[in-house]
């Protein structure tokens, strides 16, 4: 996550060559995809744990509440 944040900061500064910017962008995109995959896996594990308990019911996350 730190590497992704550093990449964003470097790209936002705009001091890099086009080639270096493209390389960083590609690396950032790759890191973002890995992070999204890990997040999805964690969510699935939580769902499995809640389902095994038998008492909890899953509901879709409503992110509109968190954006208020």
PDB file of N, CA and C in Angstrom:
ATOM      1  N   UNK A   1       0.818  -1.180   0.000  1.00  0.00           N
ATOM      2  CA  UNK A   1       0.000   0.000   0.000  1.00  0.00           C
ATOM      3  C   UNK A   1       0.870   1.254   0.000  1.00  0.00           C
ATOM      4  N   UNK A   2       1.957   1.208   0.751  1.00  0.00           N
ATOM      5  CA  UNK A   2       2.875   2.351   0.776  1.00  0.00           C
ATOM      6  C   UNK A   2       3.462   2.623  -0.601  1.00  0.00           C
ATOM      7  N   UNK A   3       3.790   1.551  -1.304  1.00  0.00           N
ATOM      8  CA  UNK A   3       4.365   1.726  -2.641  1.00  0.00           C
ATOM      9  C   UNK A   3       3.356   2.393  -3.567  1.00  0.00           C
ATOM     10  N   UNK A   4       2.109   1.985  -3.476  1.00  0.00           N
ATOM     11  CA  UNK A   4       1.065   2.578  -4.310  1.00  0.00           C
ATOM     12  C   UNK A   4       0.891   4.063  -3.983  1.00  0.00           C
ATOM     13  N   UNK A   5       0.918   4.396  -2.711  1.00  0.00           N
ATOM     14  CA  UNK A   5       0.811   5.803  -2.309  1.00  0.00           C
ATOM     15  C   UNK A   5       1.985   6.617  -2.846  1.00  0.00           C
ATOM     16  N   UNK A   6       3.181   6.052  -2.800  1.00  0.00           N
ATOM     17  CA  UNK A   6       4.361   6.744  -3.333  1.00  0.00           C
ATOM     18  C   UNK A   6       4.247   6.960  -4.839  1.00  0.00           C
ATOM     19  N   UNK A   7       3.722   5.965  -5.526  1.00  0.00           N
ATOM     20  CA  UNK A   7       3.540   6.084  -6.971  1.00  0.00           C
ATOM     21  C   UNK A   7       2.570   7.218  -7.286  1.00  0.00           C
ATOM     22  N   UNK A   8       1.472   7.268  -6.578  1.00  0.00           N
ATOM     23  CA  UNK A   8       0.485   8.332  -6.796  1.00  0.00           C
ATOM     24  C   UNK A   8       1.119   9.699  -6.554  1.00  0.00           C
ATOM     25  N   UNK A   9       1.862   9.828  -5.475  1.00  0.00           N
ATOM     26  CA  UNK A   9       2.525  11.103  -5.169  1.00  0.00           C
ATOM     27  C   UNK A   9       3.486  11.506  -6.280  1.00  0.00           C
ATOM     28  N   UNK A  10       4.284  10.556  -6.764  1.00  0.00           N
ATOM     29  CA  UNK A  10       5.235  10.854  -7.836  1.00  0.00           C
ATOM     30  C   UNK A  10       4.526  11.269  -9.118  1.00  0.00           C
ATOM     31  N   UNK A  11       3.448  10.585  -9.446  1.00  0.00           N
ATOM     32  CA  UNK A  11       2.710  10.927 -10.658  1.00  0.00           C
ATOM     33  C   UNK A  11       2.034  12.288 -10.531  1.00  0.00           C
ATOM     34  N   UNK A  12       1.532  12.598  -9.351  1.00  0.00           N
ATOM     35  CA  UNK A  12       0.858  13.879  -9.142  1.00  0.00           C
ATOM     36  C   UNK A  12       1.819  15.056  -9.238  1.00  0.00           C
ATOM     37  N   UNK A  13       3.076  14.846  -8.914  1.00  0.00           N
ATOM     38  CA  UNK A  13       4.062  15.925  -8.988  1.00  0.00           C
ATOM     39  C   UNK A  13       4.314  16.356 -10.428  1.00  0.00           C
ATOM     40  N   UNK A  14       4.199  15.423 -11.363  1.00  0.00           N
ATOM     41  CA  UNK A  14       4.347  15.753 -12.778  1.00  0.00           C
ATOM     42  C   UNK A  14       5.765  16.035 -13.233  1.00  0.00           C
ATOM     43  N   UNK A  15       6.755  15.653 -12.453  1.00  0.00           N
ATOM     44  CA  UNK A  15       8.154  15.926 -12.796  1.00  0.00           C
ATOM     45  C   UNK A  15       8.814  14.798 -13.588  1.00  0.00           C
ATOM     46  N   UNK A  16       8.105  13.721 -13.825  1.00  0.00           N
ATOM     47  CA  UNK A  16       8.688  12.547 -14.465  1.00  0.00           C
ATOM     48  C   UNK A  16       8.548  12.616 -15.983  1.00  0.00           C
ATOM     49  N   UNK A  17       9.428  11.906 -16.654  1.00  0.00           N
ATOM     50  CA  UNK A  17       9.303  11.787 -18.107  1.00  0.00           C
ATOM     51  C   UNK A  17       8.073  10.938 -18.423  1.00  0.00           C
ATOM     52  N   UNK A  18       7.633  11.015 -19.661  1.00  0.00           N
ATOM     53  CA  UNK A  18       6.471  10.226 -20.076  1.00  0.00           C
ATOM     54  C   UNK A  18       6.736   8.735 -19.884  1.00  0.00           C
ATOM     55  N   UNK A  19       7.934   8.306 -20.240  1.00  0.00           N
ATOM     56  CA  UNK A  19       8.292   6.889 -20.104  1.00  0.00           C
ATOM     57  C   UNK A  19       8.257   6.448 -18.640  1.00  0.00           C
ATOM     58  N   UNK A  20       8.844   7.249 -17.759  1.00  0.00           N
ATOM     59  CA  UNK A  20       8.845   6.912 -16.335  1.00  0.00           C
ATOM     60  C   UNK A  20       7.428   6.953 -15.762  1.00  0.00           C
ATOM     61  N   UNK A  21       6.651   7.914 -16.217  1.00  0.00           N
ATOM     62  CA  UNK A  21       5.261   8.010 -15.761  1.00  0.00           C
ATOM     63  C   UNK A  21       4.472   6.777 -16.169  1.00  0.00           C
ATOM     64  N   UNK A  22       4.674   6.318 -17.394  1.00  0.00           N
ATOM     65  CA  UNK A  22       3.970   5.125 -17.873  1.00  0.00           C
ATOM     66  C   UNK A  22       4.374   3.891 -17.068  1.00  0.00           C
ATOM     67  N   UNK A  23       5.657   3.772 -16.779  1.00  0.00           N
ATOM     68  CA  UNK A  23       6.127   2.630 -15.986  1.00  0.00           C
ATOM     69  C   UNK A  23       5.509   2.651 -14.592  1.00  0.00           C
ATOM     70  N   UNK A  24       5.493   3.826 -13.974  1.00  0.00           N
ATOM     71  CA  UNK A  24       4.897   3.935 -12.641  1.00  0.00           C
ATOM     72  C   UNK A  24       3.400   3.677 -12.688  1.00  0.00           C
ATOM     73  N   UNK A  25       2.743   4.187 -13.718  1.00  0.00           N
ATOM     74  CA  UNK A  25       1.307   3.969 -13.854  1.00  0.00           C
ATOM     75  C   UNK A  25       1.003   2.478 -13.969  1.00  0.00           C
ATOM     76  N   UNK A  26       1.767   1.774 -14.792  1.00  0.00           N
ATOM     77  CA  UNK A  26       1.571   0.329 -14.954  1.00  0.00           C
ATOM     78  C   UNK A  26       1.794  -0.405 -13.632  1.00  0.00           C
ATOM     79  N   UNK A  27       2.826  -0.022 -12.912  1.00  0.00           N
ATOM     80  CA  UNK A  27       3.108  -0.652 -11.612  1.00  0.00           C
ATOM     81  C   UNK A  27       1.977  -0.354 -10.634  1.00  0.00           C
ATOM     82  N   UNK A  28       1.514   0.884 -10.625  1.00  0.00           N
ATOM     83  CA  UNK A  28       0.411   1.266  -9.750  1.00  0.00           C
ATOM     84  C   UNK A  28      -0.860   0.504 -10.072  1.00  0.00           C
ATOM     85  N   UNK A  29      -1.136   0.337 -11.347  1.00  0.00           N
ATOM     86  CA  UNK A  29      -2.316  -0.413 -11.759  1.00  0.00           C
ATOM     87  C   UNK A  29      -2.220  -1.861 -11.297  1.00  0.00           C
ATOM     88  N   UNK A  30      -1.041  -2.436 -11.436  1.00  0.00           N
ATOM     89  CA  UNK A  30      -0.819  -3.808 -10.984  1.00  0.00           C
ATOM     90  C   UNK A  30      -1.026  -3.933  -9.477  1.00  0.00           C
ATOM     91  N   UNK A  31      -0.463  -3.008  -8.718  1.00  0.00           N
ATOM     92  CA  UNK A  31      -0.625  -3.029  -7.259  1.00  0.00           C
ATOM     93  C   UNK A  31      -2.086  -2.842  -6.865  1.00  0.00           C
ATOM     94  N   UNK A  32      -2.779  -1.993  -7.582  1.00  0.00           N
ATOM     95  CA  UNK A  32      -4.194  -1.756  -7.305  1.00  0.00           C
ATOM     96  C   UNK A  32      -5.014  -3.027  -7.529  1.00  0.00           C
ATOM     97  N   UNK A  33      -4.708  -3.740  -8.597  1.00  0.00           N
ATOM     98  CA  UNK A  33      -5.426  -4.981  -8.892  1.00  0.00           C
ATOM     99  C   UNK A  33      -5.151  -6.041  -7.831  1.00  0.00           C
ATOM    100  N   UNK A  34      -3.919  -6.133  -7.377  1.00  0.00           N
ATOM    101  CA  UNK A  34      -3.569  -7.084  -6.317  1.00  0.00           C
ATOM    102  C   UNK A  34      -4.313  -6.727  -5.033  1.00  0.00           C
ATOM    103  N   UNK A  35      -4.350  -5.446  -4.711  1.00  0.00           N
ATOM    104  CA  UNK A  35      -5.053  -4.996  -3.504  1.00  0.00           C
ATOM    105  C   UNK A  35      -6.538  -5.310  -3.583  1.00  0.00           C
ATOM    106  N   UNK A  36      -7.138  -5.078  -4.741  1.00  0.00           N
ATOM    107  CA  UNK A  36      -8.561  -5.358  -4.921  1.00  0.00           C
ATOM    108  C   UNK A  36      -8.837  -6.848  -4.774  1.00  0.00           C
ATOM    109  N   UNK A  37      -7.952  -7.672  -5.304  1.00  0.00           N
ATOM    110  CA  UNK A  37      -8.101  -9.119  -5.192  1.00  0.00           C
ATOM    111  C   UNK A  37      -8.022  -9.570  -3.736  1.00  0.00           C
ATOM    112  N   UNK A  38      -7.059  -9.023  -2.996  1.00  0.00           N
ATOM    113  CA  UNK A  38      -6.920  -9.382  -1.581  1.00  0.00           C
ATOM    114  C   UNK A  38      -8.133  -8.930  -0.780  1.00  0.00           C
ATOM    115  N   UNK A  39      -8.662  -7.770  -1.099  1.00  0.00           N
ATOM    116  CA  UNK A  39      -9.855  -7.278  -0.420  1.00  0.00           C
ATOM    117  C   UNK A  39     -11.045  -8.192  -0.691  1.00  0.00           C
ATOM    118  N   UNK A  40     -11.204  -8.611  -1.926  1.00  0.00           N
ATOM    119  CA  UNK A  40     -12.300  -9.524  -2.268  1.00  0.00           C
ATOM    120  C   UNK A  40     -12.166 -10.851  -1.532  1.00  0.00           C
ATOM    121  N   UNK A  41     -10.940 -11.362  -1.441  1.00  0.00           N
ATOM    122  CA  UNK A  41     -10.714 -12.614  -0.728  1.00  0.00           C
ATOM    123  C   UNK A  41     -11.047 -12.466   0.747  1.00  0.00           C
ATOM    124  N   UNK A  42     -10.679 -11.347   1.340  1.00  0.00           N
ATOM    125  CA  UNK A  42     -10.983 -11.111   2.755  1.00  0.00           C
ATOM    126  C   UNK A  42     -12.487 -11.037   2.968  1.00  0.00           C
ATOM    127  N   UNK A  43     -13.194 -10.374   2.065  1.00  0.00           N
ATOM    128  CA  UNK A  43     -14.650 -10.286   2.180  1.00  0.00           C
ATOM    129  C   UNK A  43     -15.290 -11.668   2.087  1.00  0.00           C
ATOM    130  N   UNK A  44     -14.778 -12.508   1.193  1.00  0.00           N
ATOM    131  CA  UNK A  44     -15.311 -13.860   1.050  1.00  0.00           C
ATOM    132  C   UNK A  44     -15.061 -14.679   2.306  1.00  0.00           C
ATOM    133  N   UNK A  45     -13.894 -14.533   2.916  1.00  0.00           N
ATOM    134  CA  UNK A  45     -13.600 -15.254   4.157  1.00  0.00           C
ATOM    135  C   UNK A  45     -14.543 -14.824   5.266  1.00  0.00           C
ATOM    136  N   UNK A  46     -14.821 -13.545   5.345  1.00  0.00           N
ATOM    137  CA  UNK A  46     -15.746 -13.047   6.363  1.00  0.00           C
ATOM    138  C   UNK A  46     -17.131 -13.630   6.137  1.00  0.00           C
ATOM    139  N   UNK A  47     -17.563 -13.679   4.889  1.00  0.00           N
ATOM    140  CA  UNK A  47     -18.877 -14.249   4.587  1.00  0.00           C
ATOM    141  C   UNK A  47     -18.941 -15.717   4.990  1.00  0.00           C
ATOM    142  N   UNK A  48     -17.888 -16.458   4.717  1.00  0.00           N
ATOM    143  CA  UNK A  48     -17.853 -17.879   5.077  1.00  0.00           C
ATOM    144  C   UNK A  48     -17.925 -18.032   6.592  1.00  0.00           C
ATOM    145  N   UNK A  49     -17.152 -17.232   7.307  1.00  0.00           N
ATOM    146  CA  UNK A  49     -17.168 -17.314   8.772  1.00  0.00           C
ATOM    147  C   UNK A  49     -18.546 -16.976   9.325  1.00  0.00           C
ATOM    148  N   UNK A  50     -19.167 -15.965   8.783  1.00  0.00           N
ATOM    149  CA  UNK A  50     -20.497 -15.590   9.258  1.00  0.00           C
ATOM    150  C   UNK A  50     -21.521 -16.665   8.919  1.00  0.00           C
ATOM    151  N   UNK A  51     -21.399 -17.268   7.754  1.00  0.00           N
ATOM    152  CA  UNK A  51     -22.332 -18.323   7.362  1.00  0.00           C
ATOM    153  C   UNK A  51     -22.164 -19.567   8.225  1.00  0.00           C
ATOM    154  N   UNK A  52     -20.933 -19.883   8.638  1.00  0.00           N
ATOM    155  CA  UNK A  52     -20.695 -21.060   9.472  1.00  0.00           C
ATOM    156  C   UNK A  52     -21.339 -20.896  10.841  1.00  0.00           C
ATOM    157  N   UNK A  53     -21.382 -19.686  11.324  1.00  0.00           N
ATOM    158  CA  UNK A  53     -21.980 -19.408  12.616  1.00  0.00           C
ATOM    159  C   UNK A  53     -23.465 -19.749  12.598  1.00  0.00           C
ATOM    160  N   UNK A  54     -24.109 -19.514  11.496  1.00  0.00           N
ATOM    161  CA  UNK A  54     -25.518 -19.842  11.365  1.00  0.00           C
ATOM    162  C   UNK A  54     -26.457 -18.810  11.940  1.00  0.00           C
ATOM    163  N   UNK A  55     -25.963 -17.920  12.745  1.00  0.00           N
ATOM    164  CA  UNK A  55     -26.823 -16.927  13.365  1.00  0.00           C
ATOM    165  C   UNK A  55     -26.793 -15.597  12.626  1.00  0.00           C
ATOM    166  N   UNK A  56     -25.757 -15.363  11.904  1.00  0.00           N
ATOM    167  CA  UNK A  56     -25.605 -14.084  11.222  1.00  0.00           C
ATOM    168  C   UNK A  56     -26.138 -14.175   9.800  1.00  0.00           C
ATOM    169  N   UNK A  57     -26.750 -13.119   9.360  1.00  0.00           N
ATOM    170  CA  UNK A  57     -27.196 -13.024   7.983  1.00  0.00           C
ATOM    171  C   UNK A  57     -26.400 -11.918   7.301  1.00  0.00           C
ATOM    172  N   UNK A  58     -25.976 -12.190   6.102  1.00  0.00           N
ATOM    173  CA  UNK A  58     -25.208 -11.198   5.366  1.00  0.00           C
ATOM    174  C   UNK A  58     -26.141 -10.249   4.636  1.00  0.00           C
ATOM    175  N   UNK A  59     -25.725  -9.017   4.573  1.00  0.00           N
ATOM    176  CA  UNK A  59     -26.446  -8.022   3.794  1.00  0.00           C
ATOM    177  C   UNK A  59     -25.426  -7.294   2.939  1.00  0.00           C
ATOM    178  N   UNK A  60     -25.868  -6.827   1.791  1.00  0.00           N
ATOM    179  CA  UNK A  60     -24.970  -6.068   0.934  1.00  0.00           C
ATOM    180  C   UNK A  60     -24.534  -4.801   1.649  1.00  0.00           C
ATOM    181  N   UNK A  61     -23.280  -4.449   1.459  1.00  0.00           N
ATOM    182  CA  UNK A  61     -22.741  -3.238   2.065  1.00  0.00           C
ATOM    183  C   UNK A  61     -23.288  -2.039   1.312  1.00  0.00           C
ATOM    184  N   UNK A  62     -23.834  -1.099   2.037  1.00  0.00           N
ATOM    185  CA  UNK A  62     -24.386   0.107   1.443  1.00  0.00           C
ATOM    186  C   UNK A  62     -23.423   1.250   1.717  1.00  0.00           C
ATOM    187  N   UNK A  63     -22.583   1.547   0.721  1.00  0.00           N
ATOM    188  CA  UNK A  63     -21.574   2.583   0.943  1.00  0.00           C
ATOM    189  C   UNK A  63     -22.138   3.991   0.858  1.00  0.00           C
ATOM    190  N   UNK A  64     -23.397   4.141   0.510  1.00  0.00           N
ATOM    191  CA  UNK A  64     -23.992   5.478   0.487  1.00  0.00           C
ATOM    192  C   UNK A  64     -24.079   6.048   1.895  1.00  0.00           C
ATOM    193  N   UNK A  65     -24.185   5.181   2.893  1.00  0.00           N
ATOM    194  CA  UNK A  65     -24.218   5.626   4.285  1.00  0.00           C
ATOM    195  C   UNK A  65     -22.873   6.202   4.707  1.00  0.00           C
ATOM    196  N   UNK A  66     -21.786   5.617   4.216  1.00  0.00           N
ATOM    197  CA  UNK A  66     -20.459   6.070   4.627  1.00  0.00           C
ATOM    198  C   UNK A  66     -20.026   7.333   3.900  1.00  0.00           C
ATOM    199  N   UNK A  67     -20.715   7.686   2.825  1.00  0.00           N
ATOM    200  CA  UNK A  67     -20.337   8.865   2.055  1.00  0.00           C
ATOM    201  C   UNK A  67     -21.065  10.116   2.508  1.00  0.00           C
ATOM    202  N   UNK A  68     -21.922  10.012   3.479  1.00  0.00           N
ATOM    203  CA  UNK A  68     -22.671  11.175   3.964  1.00  0.00           C
ATOM    204  C   UNK A  68     -21.890  11.983   4.938  1.00  0.00           C
TER     205      UNK A  68
END
